[in-house]
Each structure stands twice: as C-alpha cells, then as structure tokens.
PDB file of N, CA and C in Angstrom:
ATOM      1  N   UNK A   1       8.364  -2.588  26.384  1.00  0.00           N
ATOM      2  CA  UNK A   1       9.088  -2.002  25.273  1.00  0.00           C
ATOM      3  C   UNK A   1      10.090  -3.029  24.741  1.00  0.00           C
ATOM      4  N   UNK A   2      10.141  -3.206  23.466  1.00  0.00           N
ATOM      5  CA  UNK A   2      11.038  -4.164  22.832  1.00  0.00           C
ATOM      6  C   UNK A   2      12.470  -3.639  22.843  1.00  0.00           C
ATOM      7  N   UNK A   3      13.426  -4.570  22.983  1.00  0.00           N
ATOM      8  CA  UNK A   3      14.829  -4.170  22.921  1.00  0.00           C
ATOM      9  C   UNK A   3      15.275  -3.971  21.480  1.00  0.00           C
ATOM     10  N   UNK A   4      14.434  -4.350  20.520  1.00  0.00           N
ATOM     11  CA  UNK A   4      14.776  -4.233  19.103  1.00  0.00           C
ATOM     12  C   UNK A   4      14.161  -2.972  18.522  1.00  0.00           C
ATOM     13  N   UNK A   5      14.967  -2.204  17.837  1.00  0.00           N
ATOM     14  CA  UNK A   5      14.460  -0.993  17.203  1.00  0.00           C
ATOM     15  C   UNK A   5      13.930  -1.323  15.817  1.00  0.00           C
ATOM     16  N   UNK A   6      13.144  -0.407  15.269  1.00  0.00           N
ATOM     17  CA  UNK A   6      12.661  -0.577  13.897  1.00  0.00           C
ATOM     18  C   UNK A   6      13.820  -0.652  12.920  1.00  0.00           C
ATOM     19  N   UNK A   7      14.889   0.109  13.187  1.00  0.00           N
ATOM     20  CA  UNK A   7      16.061   0.051  12.315  1.00  0.00           C
ATOM     21  C   UNK A   7      16.675  -1.336  12.318  1.00  0.00           C
ATOM     22  N   UNK A   8      16.775  -1.948  13.498  1.00  0.00           N
ATOM     23  CA  UNK A   8      17.354  -3.288  13.561  1.00  0.00           C
ATOM     24  C   UNK A   8      16.490  -4.295  12.815  1.00  0.00           C
ATOM     25  N   UNK A   9      15.188  -4.155  12.906  1.00  0.00           N
ATOM     26  CA  UNK A   9      14.295  -5.047  12.156  1.00  0.00           C
ATOM     27  C   UNK A   9      14.477  -4.834  10.655  1.00  0.00           C
ATOM     28  N   UNK A  10      14.619  -3.602  10.257  1.00  0.00           N
ATOM     29  CA  UNK A  10      14.814  -3.275   8.839  1.00  0.00           C
ATOM     30  C   UNK A  10      16.142  -3.841   8.331  1.00  0.00           C
ATOM     31  N   UNK A  11      17.207  -3.641   9.107  1.00  0.00           N
ATOM     32  CA  UNK A  11      18.503  -4.190   8.713  1.00  0.00           C
ATOM     33  C   UNK A  11      18.460  -5.714   8.684  1.00  0.00           C
ATOM     34  N   UNK A  12      17.747  -6.302   9.612  1.00  0.00           N
ATOM     35  CA  UNK A  12      17.612  -7.759   9.631  1.00  0.00           C
ATOM     36  C   UNK A  12      16.985  -8.266   8.339  1.00  0.00           C
ATOM     37  N   UNK A  13      15.971  -7.572   7.838  1.00  0.00           N
ATOM     38  CA  UNK A  13      15.342  -7.952   6.569  1.00  0.00           C
ATOM     39  C   UNK A  13      16.321  -7.801   5.403  1.00  0.00           C
ATOM     40  N   UNK A  14      17.129  -6.754   5.444  1.00  0.00           N
ATOM     41  CA  UNK A  14      18.125  -6.562   4.388  1.00  0.00           C
ATOM     42  C   UNK A  14      19.136  -7.704   4.393  1.00  0.00           C
ATOM     43  N   UNK A  15      19.641  -8.037   5.589  1.00  0.00           N
ATOM     44  CA  UNK A  15      20.653  -9.090   5.679  1.00  0.00           C
ATOM     45  C   UNK A  15      20.068 -10.454   5.325  1.00  0.00           C
ATOM     46  N   UNK A  16      18.817 -10.663   5.675  1.00  0.00           N
ATOM     47  CA  UNK A  16      18.144 -11.911   5.302  1.00  0.00           C
ATOM     48  C   UNK A  16      18.096 -12.033   3.780  1.00  0.00           C
ATOM     49  N   UNK A  17      17.756 -10.942   3.105  1.00  0.00           N
ATOM     50  CA  UNK A  17      17.699 -10.961   1.639  1.00  0.00           C
ATOM     51  C   UNK A  17      19.082 -11.209   1.047  1.00  0.00           C
ATOM     52  N   UNK A  18      20.108 -10.684   1.674  1.00  0.00           N
ATOM     53  CA  UNK A  18      21.469 -10.834   1.156  1.00  0.00           C
ATOM     54  C   UNK A  18      22.106 -12.173   1.520  1.00  0.00           C
ATOM     55  N   UNK A  19      21.416 -12.988   2.308  1.00  0.00           N
ATOM     56  CA  UNK A  19      21.992 -14.267   2.731  1.00  0.00           C
ATOM     57  C   UNK A  19      22.011 -15.306   1.615  1.00  0.00           C
ATOM     58  N   UNK A  20      21.298 -15.056   0.526  1.00  0.00           N
ATOM     59  CA  UNK A  20      21.308 -15.966  -0.618  1.00  0.00           C
ATOM     60  C   UNK A  20      22.463 -15.582  -1.541  1.00  0.00           C
ATOM     61  N   UNK A  21      23.289 -16.551  -1.966  1.00  0.00           N
ATOM     62  CA  UNK A  21      24.449 -16.226  -2.810  1.00  0.00           C
ATOM     63  C   UNK A  21      24.101 -15.513  -4.120  1.00  0.00           C
ATOM     64  N   UNK A  22      22.991 -15.877  -4.759  1.00  0.00           N
ATOM     65  CA  UNK A  22      22.615 -15.205  -6.006  1.00  0.00           C
ATOM     66  C   UNK A  22      22.185 -13.762  -5.746  1.00  0.00           C
ATOM     67  N   UNK A  23      21.425 -13.559  -4.676  1.00  0.00           N
ATOM     68  CA  UNK A  23      20.998 -12.193  -4.354  1.00  0.00           C
ATOM     69  C   UNK A  23      22.199 -11.338  -3.957  1.00  0.00           C
ATOM     70  N   UNK A  24      23.137 -11.933  -3.238  1.00  0.00           N
ATOM     71  CA  UNK A  24      24.338 -11.198  -2.868  1.00  0.00           C
ATOM     72  C   UNK A  24      25.136 -10.809  -4.112  1.00  0.00           C
ATOM     73  N   UNK A  25      25.230 -11.717  -5.082  1.00  0.00           N
ATOM     74  CA  UNK A  25      25.941 -11.418  -6.336  1.00  0.00           C
ATOM     75  C   UNK A  25      25.240 -10.301  -7.103  1.00  0.00           C
ATOM     76  N   UNK A  26      23.914 -10.335  -7.155  1.00  0.00           N
ATOM     77  CA  UNK A  26      23.151  -9.281  -7.832  1.00  0.00           C
ATOM     78  C   UNK A  26      23.363  -7.935  -7.134  1.00  0.00           C
ATOM     79  N   UNK A  27      23.280  -7.948  -5.817  1.00  0.00           N
ATOM     80  CA  UNK A  27      23.484  -6.725  -5.043  1.00  0.00           C
ATOM     81  C   UNK A  27      24.888  -6.174  -5.296  1.00  0.00           C
ATOM     82  N   UNK A  28      25.873  -7.052  -5.297  1.00  0.00           N
ATOM     83  CA  UNK A  28      27.251  -6.614  -5.509  1.00  0.00           C
ATOM     84  C   UNK A  28      27.428  -5.998  -6.898  1.00  0.00           C
ATOM     85  N   UNK A  29      26.813  -6.588  -7.908  1.00  0.00           N
ATOM     86  CA  UNK A  29      26.905  -6.014  -9.260  1.00  0.00           C
ATOM     87  C   UNK A  29      26.333  -4.607  -9.288  1.00  0.00           C
ATOM     88  N   UNK A  30      25.215  -4.423  -8.627  1.00  0.00           N
ATOM     89  CA  UNK A  30      24.610  -3.094  -8.581  1.00  0.00           C
ATOM     90  C   UNK A  30      25.422  -2.151  -7.696  1.00  0.00           C
ATOM     91  N   UNK A  31      25.969  -2.667  -6.625  1.00  0.00           N
ATOM     92  CA  UNK A  31      26.709  -1.850  -5.666  1.00  0.00           C
ATOM     93  C   UNK A  31      27.958  -1.244  -6.276  1.00  0.00           C
ATOM     94  N   UNK A  32      28.584  -1.923  -7.195  1.00  0.00           N
ATOM     95  CA  UNK A  32      29.811  -1.403  -7.788  1.00  0.00           C
ATOM     96  C   UNK A  32      29.559  -0.149  -8.621  1.00  0.00           C
ATOM     97  N   UNK A  33      28.301   0.110  -8.948  1.00  0.00           N
ATOM     98  CA  UNK A  33      27.951   1.290  -9.751  1.00  0.00           C
ATOM     99  C   UNK A  33      27.775   2.542  -8.910  1.00  0.00           C
ATOM    100  N   UNK A  34      27.326   2.387  -7.705  1.00  0.00           N
ATOM    101  CA  UNK A  34      27.065   3.551  -6.854  1.00  0.00           C
ATOM    102  C   UNK A  34      27.252   3.136  -5.408  1.00  0.00           C
ATOM    103  N   UNK A  35      28.441   3.365  -4.890  1.00  0.00           N
ATOM    104  CA  UNK A  35      28.732   2.960  -3.522  1.00  0.00           C
ATOM    105  C   UNK A  35      28.990   4.183  -2.653  1.00  0.00           C
ATOM    106  N   UNK A  36      28.967   4.002  -1.321  1.00  0.00           N
ATOM    107  CA  UNK A  36      29.244   5.138  -0.446  1.00  0.00           C
ATOM    108  C   UNK A  36      30.579   5.776  -0.822  1.00  0.00           C
ATOM    109  N   UNK A  37      30.607   7.079  -0.816  1.00  0.00           N
ATOM    110  CA  UNK A  37      31.803   7.795  -1.244  1.00  0.00           C
ATOM    111  C   UNK A  37      31.684   8.257  -2.687  1.00  0.00           C
ATOM    112  N   UNK A  38      30.854   7.558  -3.465  1.00  0.00           N
ATOM    113  CA  UNK A  38      30.531   8.000  -4.820  1.00  0.00           C
ATOM    114  C   UNK A  38      29.158   8.639  -4.692  1.00  0.00           C
ATOM    115  N   UNK A  39      29.120   9.927  -4.705  1.00  0.00           N
ATOM    116  CA  UNK A  39      27.866  10.628  -4.453  1.00  0.00           C
ATOM    117  C   UNK A  39      27.027  10.671  -5.721  1.00  0.00           C
ATOM    118  N   UNK A  40      25.979   9.895  -5.731  1.00  0.00           N
ATOM    119  CA  UNK A  40      25.068   9.935  -6.872  1.00  0.00           C
ATOM    120  C   UNK A  40      23.646   9.898  -6.352  1.00  0.00           C
ATOM    121  N   UNK A  41      22.816  10.668  -6.959  1.00  0.00           N
ATOM    122  CA  UNK A  41      21.410  10.684  -6.593  1.00  0.00           C
ATOM    123  C   UNK A  41      20.712   9.550  -7.318  1.00  0.00           C
ATOM    124  N   UNK A  42      19.446   9.326  -6.998  1.00  0.00           N
ATOM    125  CA  UNK A  42      18.679   8.284  -7.677  1.00  0.00           C
ATOM    126  C   UNK A  42      18.688   8.523  -9.177  1.00  0.00           C
ATOM    127  N   UNK A  43      18.639   9.795  -9.598  1.00  0.00           N
ATOM    128  CA  UNK A  43      18.643  10.102 -11.021  1.00  0.00           C
ATOM    129  C   UNK A  43      19.973   9.723 -11.666  1.00  0.00           C
ATOM    130  N   UNK A  44      21.057   9.786 -10.895  1.00  0.00           N
ATOM    131  CA  UNK A  44      22.378   9.487 -11.427  1.00  0.00           C
ATOM    132  C   UNK A  44      22.742   8.012 -11.307  1.00  0.00           C
ATOM    133  N   UNK A  45      22.033   7.272 -10.485  1.00  0.00           N
ATOM    134  CA  UNK A  45      22.363   5.865 -10.269  1.00  0.00           C
ATOM    135  C   UNK A  45      22.286   5.103 -11.586  1.00  0.00           C
ATOM    136  N   UNK A  46      23.253   4.248 -11.793  1.00  0.00           N
ATOM    137  CA  UNK A  46      23.275   3.447 -13.010  1.00  0.00           C
ATOM    138  C   UNK A  46      22.193   2.385 -12.901  1.00  0.00           C
ATOM    139  N   UNK A  47      21.415   2.280 -13.943  1.00  0.00           N
ATOM    140  CA  UNK A  47      20.333   1.305 -13.967  1.00  0.00           C
ATOM    141  C   UNK A  47      20.700   0.167 -14.901  1.00  0.00           C
ATOM    142  N   UNK A  48      20.352  -1.027 -14.486  1.00  0.00           N
ATOM    143  CA  UNK A  48      20.573  -2.215 -15.293  1.00  0.00           C
ATOM    144  C   UNK A  48      19.240  -2.782 -15.730  1.00  0.00           C
ATOM    145  N   UNK A  49      19.181  -3.270 -16.963  1.00  0.00           N
ATOM    146  CA  UNK A  49      18.038  -4.074 -17.369  1.00  0.00           C
ATOM    147  C   UNK A  49      18.192  -5.417 -16.670  1.00  0.00           C
ATOM    148  N   UNK A  50      17.090  -6.004 -16.274  1.00  0.00           N
ATOM    149  CA  UNK A  50      17.126  -7.262 -15.537  1.00  0.00           C
ATOM    150  C   UNK A  50      17.927  -8.322 -16.285  1.00  0.00           C
ATOM    151  N   UNK A  51      17.743  -8.428 -17.593  1.00  0.00           N
ATOM    152  CA  UNK A  51      18.465  -9.431 -18.377  1.00  0.00           C
ATOM    153  C   UNK A  51      19.969  -9.251 -18.316  1.00  0.00           C
ATOM    154  N   UNK A  52      20.433  -8.004 -18.385  1.00  0.00           N
ATOM    155  CA  UNK A  52      21.866  -7.713 -18.302  1.00  0.00           C
ATOM    156  C   UNK A  52      22.422  -8.089 -16.931  1.00  0.00           C
ATOM    157  N   UNK A  53      21.664  -7.795 -15.930  1.00  0.00           N
ATOM    158  CA  UNK A  53      22.112  -8.028 -14.565  1.00  0.00           C
ATOM    159  C   UNK A  53      22.320  -9.509 -14.279  1.00  0.00           C
ATOM    160  N   UNK A  54      21.518 -10.361 -14.905  1.00  0.00           N
ATOM    161  CA  UNK A  54      21.606 -11.791 -14.646  1.00  0.00           C
ATOM    162  C   UNK A  54      22.638 -12.527 -15.470  1.00  0.00           C
ATOM    163  N   UNK A  55      23.280 -11.835 -16.421  1.00  0.00           N
ATOM    164  CA  UNK A  55      24.250 -12.501 -17.295  1.00  0.00           C
ATOM    165  C   UNK A  55      25.375 -13.128 -16.481  1.00  0.00           C
ATOM    166  N   UNK A  56      25.669 -14.383 -16.790  1.00  0.00           N
ATOM    167  CA  UNK A  56      26.762 -15.090 -16.141  1.00  0.00           C
ATOM    168  C   UNK A  56      26.423 -15.745 -14.822  1.00  0.00           C
ATOM    169  N   UNK A  57      25.203 -15.569 -14.339  1.00  0.00           N
ATOM    170  CA  UNK A  57      24.830 -16.192 -13.070  1.00  0.00           C
ATOM    171  C   UNK A  57      24.262 -17.600 -13.244  1.00  0.00           C
ATOM    172  N   UNK A  58      23.961 -17.967 -14.482  1.00  0.00           N
ATOM    173  CA  UNK A  58      23.423 -19.301 -14.781  1.00  0.00           C
ATOM    174  C   UNK A  58      22.171 -19.633 -13.973  1.00  0.00           C
ATOM    175  N   UNK A  59      21.242 -18.679 -13.931  1.00  0.00           N
ATOM    176  CA  UNK A  59      19.950 -18.931 -13.295  1.00  0.00           C
ATOM    177  C   UNK A  59      18.848 -18.574 -14.285  1.00  0.00           C
ATOM    178  N   UNK A  60      17.721 -19.235 -14.134  1.00  0.00           N
ATOM    179  CA  UNK A  60      16.579 -19.013 -15.020  1.00  0.00           C
ATOM    180  C   UNK A  60      16.045 -17.591 -14.839  1.00  0.00           C
ATOM    181  N   UNK A  61      15.484 -17.013 -15.902  1.00  0.00           N
ATOM    182  CA  UNK A  61      14.912 -15.664 -15.784  1.00  0.00           C
ATOM    183  C   UNK A  61      13.874 -15.549 -14.665  1.00  0.00           C
ATOM    184  N   UNK A  62      13.069 -16.587 -14.467  1.00  0.00           N
ATOM    185  CA  UNK A  62      12.063 -16.531 -13.401  1.00  0.00           C
ATOM    186  C   UNK A  62      12.729 -16.497 -12.023  1.00  0.00           C
ATOM    187  N   UNK A  63      13.834 -17.213 -11.877  1.00  0.00           N
ATOM    188  CA  UNK A  63      14.574 -17.207 -10.609  1.00  0.00           C
ATOM    189  C   UNK A  63      15.228 -15.851 -10.387  1.00  0.00           C
ATOM    190  N   UNK A  64      15.775 -15.287 -11.439  1.00  0.00           N
ATOM    191  CA  UNK A  64      16.366 -13.951 -11.371  1.00  0.00           C
ATOM    192  C   UNK A  64      15.319 -12.934 -10.919  1.00  0.00           C
ATOM    193  N   UNK A  65      14.148 -13.008 -11.515  1.00  0.00           N
ATOM    194  CA  UNK A  65      13.059 -12.107 -11.160  1.00  0.00           C
ATOM    195  C   UNK A  65      12.682 -12.264  -9.688  1.00  0.00           C
ATOM    196  N   UNK A  66      12.609 -13.501  -9.215  1.00  0.00           N
ATOM    197  CA  UNK A  66      12.282 -13.763  -7.806  1.00  0.00           C
ATOM    198  C   UNK A  66      13.319 -13.112  -6.887  1.00  0.00           C
ATOM    199  N   UNK A  67      14.603 -13.308  -7.197  1.00  0.00           N
ATOM    200  CA  UNK A  67      15.659 -12.754  -6.353  1.00  0.00           C
ATOM    201  C   UNK A  67      15.608 -11.227  -6.338  1.00  0.00           C
ATOM    202  N   UNK A  68      15.360 -10.616  -7.480  1.00  0.00           N
ATOM    203  CA  UNK A  68      15.268  -9.154  -7.521  1.00  0.00           C
ATOM    204  C   UNK A  68      14.061  -8.649  -6.737  1.00  0.00           C
ATOM    205  N   UNK A  69      12.959  -9.381  -6.794  1.00  0.00           N
ATOM    206  CA  UNK A  69      11.777  -8.987  -6.011  1.00  0.00           C
ATOM    207  C   UNK A  69      12.063  -9.068  -4.515  1.00  0.00           C
ATOM    208  N   UNK A  70      12.828 -10.084  -4.095  1.00  0.00           N
ATOM    209  CA  UNK A  70      13.192 -10.201  -2.682  1.00  0.00           C
ATOM    210  C   UNK A  70      14.096  -9.039  -2.254  1.00  0.00           C
ATOM    211  N   UNK A  71      15.033  -8.671  -3.104  1.00  0.00           N
ATOM    212  CA  UNK A  71      15.899  -7.529  -2.802  1.00  0.00           C
ATOM    213  C   UNK A  71      15.093  -6.232  -2.766  1.00  0.00           C
ATOM    214  N   UNK A  72      14.108  -6.126  -3.643  1.00  0.00           N
ATOM    215  CA  UNK A  72      13.226  -4.962  -3.670  1.00  0.00           C
ATOM    216  C   UNK A  72      12.361  -4.913  -2.414  1.00  0.00           C
ATOM    217  N   UNK A  73      11.813  -6.051  -2.019  1.00  0.00           N
ATOM    218  CA  UNK A  73      10.970  -6.127  -0.823  1.00  0.00           C
ATOM    219  C   UNK A  73      11.746  -5.713   0.428  1.00  0.00           C
ATOM    220  N   UNK A  74      13.040  -6.055   0.452  1.00  0.00           N
ATOM    221  CA  UNK A  74      13.883  -5.708   1.597  1.00  0.00           C
ATOM    222  C   UNK A  74      14.355  -4.254   1.550  1.00  0.00           C
ATOM    223  N   UNK A  75      14.007  -3.535   0.484  1.00  0.00           N
ATOM    224  CA  UNK A  75      14.376  -2.130   0.367  1.00  0.00           C
ATOM    225  C   UNK A  75      15.766  -1.894  -0.184  1.00  0.00           C
ATOM    226  N   UNK A  76      16.394  -2.934  -0.721  1.00  0.00           N
ATOM    227  CA  UNK A  76      17.759  -2.810  -1.228  1.00  0.00           C
ATOM    228  C   UNK A  76      17.821  -2.396  -2.689  1.00  0.00           C
ATOM    229  N   UNK A  77      16.859  -2.816  -3.472  1.00  0.00           N
ATOM    230  CA  UNK A  77      16.860  -2.579  -4.916  1.00  0.00           C
ATOM    231  C   UNK A  77      15.579  -1.864  -5.314  1.00  0.00           C
ATOM    232  N   UNK A  78      15.719  -0.863  -6.146  1.00  0.00           N
ATOM    233  CA  UNK A  78      14.572  -0.177  -6.729  1.00  0.00           C
ATOM    234  C   UNK A  78      14.353  -0.745  -8.124  1.00  0.00           C
ATOM    235  N   UNK A  79      13.111  -0.853  -8.544  1.00  0.00           N
ATOM    236  CA  UNK A  79      12.798  -1.401  -9.861  1.00  0.00           C
ATOM    237  C   UNK A  79      11.749  -0.527 -10.533  1.00  0.00           C
ATOM    238  N   UNK A  80      11.866  -0.423 -11.870  1.00  0.00           N
ATOM    239  CA  UNK A  80      10.909   0.371 -12.638  1.00  0.00           C
ATOM    240  C   UNK A  80      10.818  -0.187 -14.051  1.00  0.00           C
ATOM    241  N   UNK A  81       9.592  -0.307 -14.529  1.00  0.00           N
ATOM    242  CA  UNK A  81       9.387  -0.760 -15.905  1.00  0.00           C
ATOM    243  C   UNK A  81       9.664   0.403 -16.847  1.00  0.00           C
ATOM    244  N   UNK A  82      10.410   0.104 -17.911  1.00  0.00           N
ATOM    245  CA  UNK A  82      10.719   1.090 -18.942  1.00  0.00           C
ATOM    246  C   UNK A  82      10.446   0.429 -20.285  1.00  0.00           C
ATOM    247  N   UNK A  83       9.235   0.623 -20.802  1.00  0.00           N
ATOM    248  CA  UNK A  83       8.838  -0.061 -22.035  1.00  0.00           C
ATOM    249  C   UNK A  83       8.732  -1.550 -21.791  1.00  0.00           C
ATOM    250  N   UNK A  84       9.460  -2.329 -22.578  1.00  0.00           N
ATOM    251  CA  UNK A  84       9.445  -3.785 -22.422  1.00  0.00           C
ATOM    252  C   UNK A  84      10.439  -4.264 -21.371  1.00  0.00           C
ATOM    253  N   UNK A  85      11.283  -3.381 -20.907  1.00  0.00           N
ATOM    254  CA  UNK A  85      12.329  -3.762 -19.963  1.00  0.00           C
ATOM    255  C   UNK A  85      11.970  -3.369 -18.539  1.00  0.00           C
ATOM    256  N   UNK A  86      12.583  -4.072 -17.603  1.00  0.00           N
ATOM    257  CA  UNK A  86      12.519  -3.690 -16.197  1.00  0.00           C
ATOM    258  C   UNK A  86      13.930  -3.282 -15.806  1.00  0.00           C
ATOM    259  N   UNK A  87      14.049  -2.064 -15.296  1.00  0.00           N
ATOM    260  CA  UNK A  87      15.342  -1.549 -14.867  1.00  0.00           C
ATOM    261  C   UNK A  87      15.431  -1.627 -13.353  1.00  0.00           C
ATOM    262  N   UNK A  88      16.637  -1.864 -12.860  1.00  0.00           N
ATOM    263  CA  UNK A  88      16.815  -1.894 -11.413  1.00  0.00           C
ATOM    264  C   UNK A  88      18.107  -1.183 -11.034  1.00  0.00           C
ATOM    265  N   UNK A  89      18.136  -0.673  -9.811  1.00  0.00           N
ATOM    266  CA  UNK A  89      19.273   0.069  -9.303  1.00  0.00           C
ATOM    267  C   UNK A  89      19.213   0.076  -7.788  1.00  0.00           C
ATOM    268  N   UNK A  90      20.331   0.414  -7.169  1.00  0.00           N
ATOM    269  CA  UNK A  90      20.389   0.549  -5.718  1.00  0.00           C
ATOM    270  C   UNK A  90      20.107   1.988  -5.332  1.00  0.00           C
ATOM    271  N   UNK A  91      19.419   2.150  -4.232  1.00  0.00           N
ATOM    272  CA  UNK A  91      19.181   3.474  -3.677  1.00  0.00           C
ATOM    273  C   UNK A  91      20.458   3.901  -2.946  1.00  0.00           C
ATOM    274  N   UNK A  92      21.107   4.986  -3.373  1.00  0.00           N
ATOM    275  CA  UNK A  92      22.346   5.419  -2.714  1.00  0.00           C
ATOM    276  C   UNK A  92      22.176   5.659  -1.217  1.00  0.00           C
ATOM    277  N   UNK A  93      20.988   6.087  -0.798  1.00  0.00           N
ATOM    278  CA  UNK A  93      20.745   6.318   0.628  1.00  0.00           C
ATOM    279  C   UNK A  93      20.825   5.019   1.422  1.00  0.00           C
ATOM    280  N   UNK A  94      20.362   3.920   0.834  1.00  0.00           N
ATOM    281  CA  UNK A  94      20.430   2.622   1.501  1.00  0.00           C
ATOM    282  C   UNK A  94      21.888   2.192   1.658  1.00  0.00           C
ATOM    283  N   UNK A  95      22.696   2.430   0.634  1.00  0.00           N
ATOM    284  CA  UNK A  95      24.121   2.096   0.730  1.00  0.00           C
ATOM    285  C   UNK A  95      24.788   2.889   1.848  1.00  0.00           C
ATOM    286  N   UNK A  96      24.427   4.147   1.971  1.00  0.00           N
ATOM    287  CA  UNK A  96      24.979   4.971   3.041  1.00  0.00           C
ATOM    288  C   UNK A  96      24.543   4.442   4.398  1.00  0.00           C
ATOM    289  N   UNK A  97      23.278   4.054   4.528  1.00  0.00           N
ATOM    290  CA  UNK A  97      22.778   3.496   5.784  1.00  0.00           C
ATOM    291  C   UNK A  97      23.518   2.219   6.154  1.00  0.00           C
ATOM    292  N   UNK A  98      23.748   1.346   5.179  1.00  0.00           N
ATOM    293  CA  UNK A  98      24.475   0.105   5.450  1.00  0.00           C
ATOM    294  C   UNK A  98      25.912   0.398   5.855  1.00  0.00           C
ATOM    295  N   UNK A  99      26.539   1.335   5.186  1.00  0.00           N
ATOM    296  CA  UNK A  99      27.905   1.714   5.531  1.00  0.00           C
ATOM    297  C   UNK A  99      27.967   2.250   6.957  1.00  0.00           C
ATOM    298  N   UNK A 100      27.017   3.094   7.303  1.00  0.00           N
ATOM    299  CA  UNK A 100      26.953   3.653   8.648  1.00  0.00           C
ATOM    300  C   UNK A 100      26.722   2.556   9.678  1.00  0.00           C
ATOM    301  N   UNK A 101      25.870   1.599   9.355  1.00  0.00           N
ATOM    302  CA  UNK A 101      25.578   0.490  10.262  1.00  0.00           C
ATOM    303  C   UNK A 101      26.861  -0.237  10.659  1.00  0.00           C
ATOM    304  N   UNK A 102      27.750  -0.446   9.695  1.00  0.00           N
ATOM    305  CA  UNK A 102      28.965  -1.206   9.963  1.00  0.00           C
ATOM    306  C   UNK A 102      30.107  -0.367  10.529  1.00  0.00           C
ATOM    307  N   UNK A 103      30.001   0.946  10.463  1.00  0.00           N
ATOM    308  CA  UNK A 103      31.096   1.786  10.945  1.00  0.00           C
ATOM    309  C   UNK A 103      30.802   2.465  12.274  1.00  0.00           C
ATOM    310  N   UNK A 104      29.564   2.402  12.739  1.00  0.00           N
ATOM    311  CA  UNK A 104      29.210   3.005  14.021  1.00  0.00           C
ATOM    312  C   UNK A 104      28.755   1.920  14.977  1.00  0.00           C
ATOM    313  N   UNK A 105      28.960   2.166  16.256  1.00  0.00           N
ATOM    314  CA  UNK A 105      28.447   1.244  17.260  1.00  0.00           C
ATOM    315  C   UNK A 105      26.933   1.381  17.289  1.00  0.00           C
ATOM    316  N   UNK A 106      26.270   0.246  17.308  1.00  0.00           N
ATOM    317  CA  UNK A 106      24.807   0.245  17.390  1.00  0.00           C
ATOM    318  C   UNK A 106      24.380  -0.541  18.611  1.00  0.00           C
ATOM    319  N   UNK A 107      23.320  -0.087  19.220  1.00  0.00           N
ATOM    320  CA  UNK A 107      22.735  -0.814  20.339  1.00  0.00           C
ATOM    321  C   UNK A 107      21.598  -1.659  19.816  1.00  0.00           C
ATOM    322  N   UNK A 108      21.292  -2.741  20.550  1.00  0.00           N
ATOM    323  CA  UNK A 108      20.154  -3.573  20.154  1.00  0.00           C
ATOM    324  C   UNK A 108      18.917  -2.775  20.141  1.00  0.00           C
TER     325      UNK A 108
END
C-alpha cells in the first residue's frame, strides 16, 4: 500500500501547475473573484475571456493558452468556449479544498 493518497497526488499536480510564475499570476487573478468565504456556485463564478485575463502579463497569446491548459489539466481552472471567445474561471470547490489543505493537518 502506498503512503501517498490520491488526494496528495492531486494536490501535487495542482502545486506543480502553480509553480510557474505566469500560471500563479493567472490563478491569482481568477482567485480574487471567488475565494473561500465568498460563497459562489459555478454559475455565479466570474468568468474571464482569455484575452482579458492575459492583459499586462506580457506573454504571447499562445503561451497564455498553454498556461491556462496546464491549470485546467491540474483541475484548477475551468474553461468553456462561448462563441469566438474562451471563458475561464476557478471552481469554488477547488478553492475550498485548497483552503482546507492548508488549514488542517494532513497525513502523507
């Protein structure tokens, strides 16, 4: 039996995705819209168009897209096409899980 739980593997993937400064900045921009303590459902979560989200980061659109896909793959960011735009947002449940991870003792 492994000493690592599925949750620890999942959190490890999240932290790996957040280890890049651009991805961390993107996550933080989204996080300020719906954080633990601000109760919002997926329907209420503020969605950003990908272009808006990347403003001021000085990265190419293709690089921005790559970083968002990595955050999506790690389960941190949800994405959906809306016409010509791609919208993205954080899942409030994931924010709650991350908050719980840092406020409760966890075993390996």
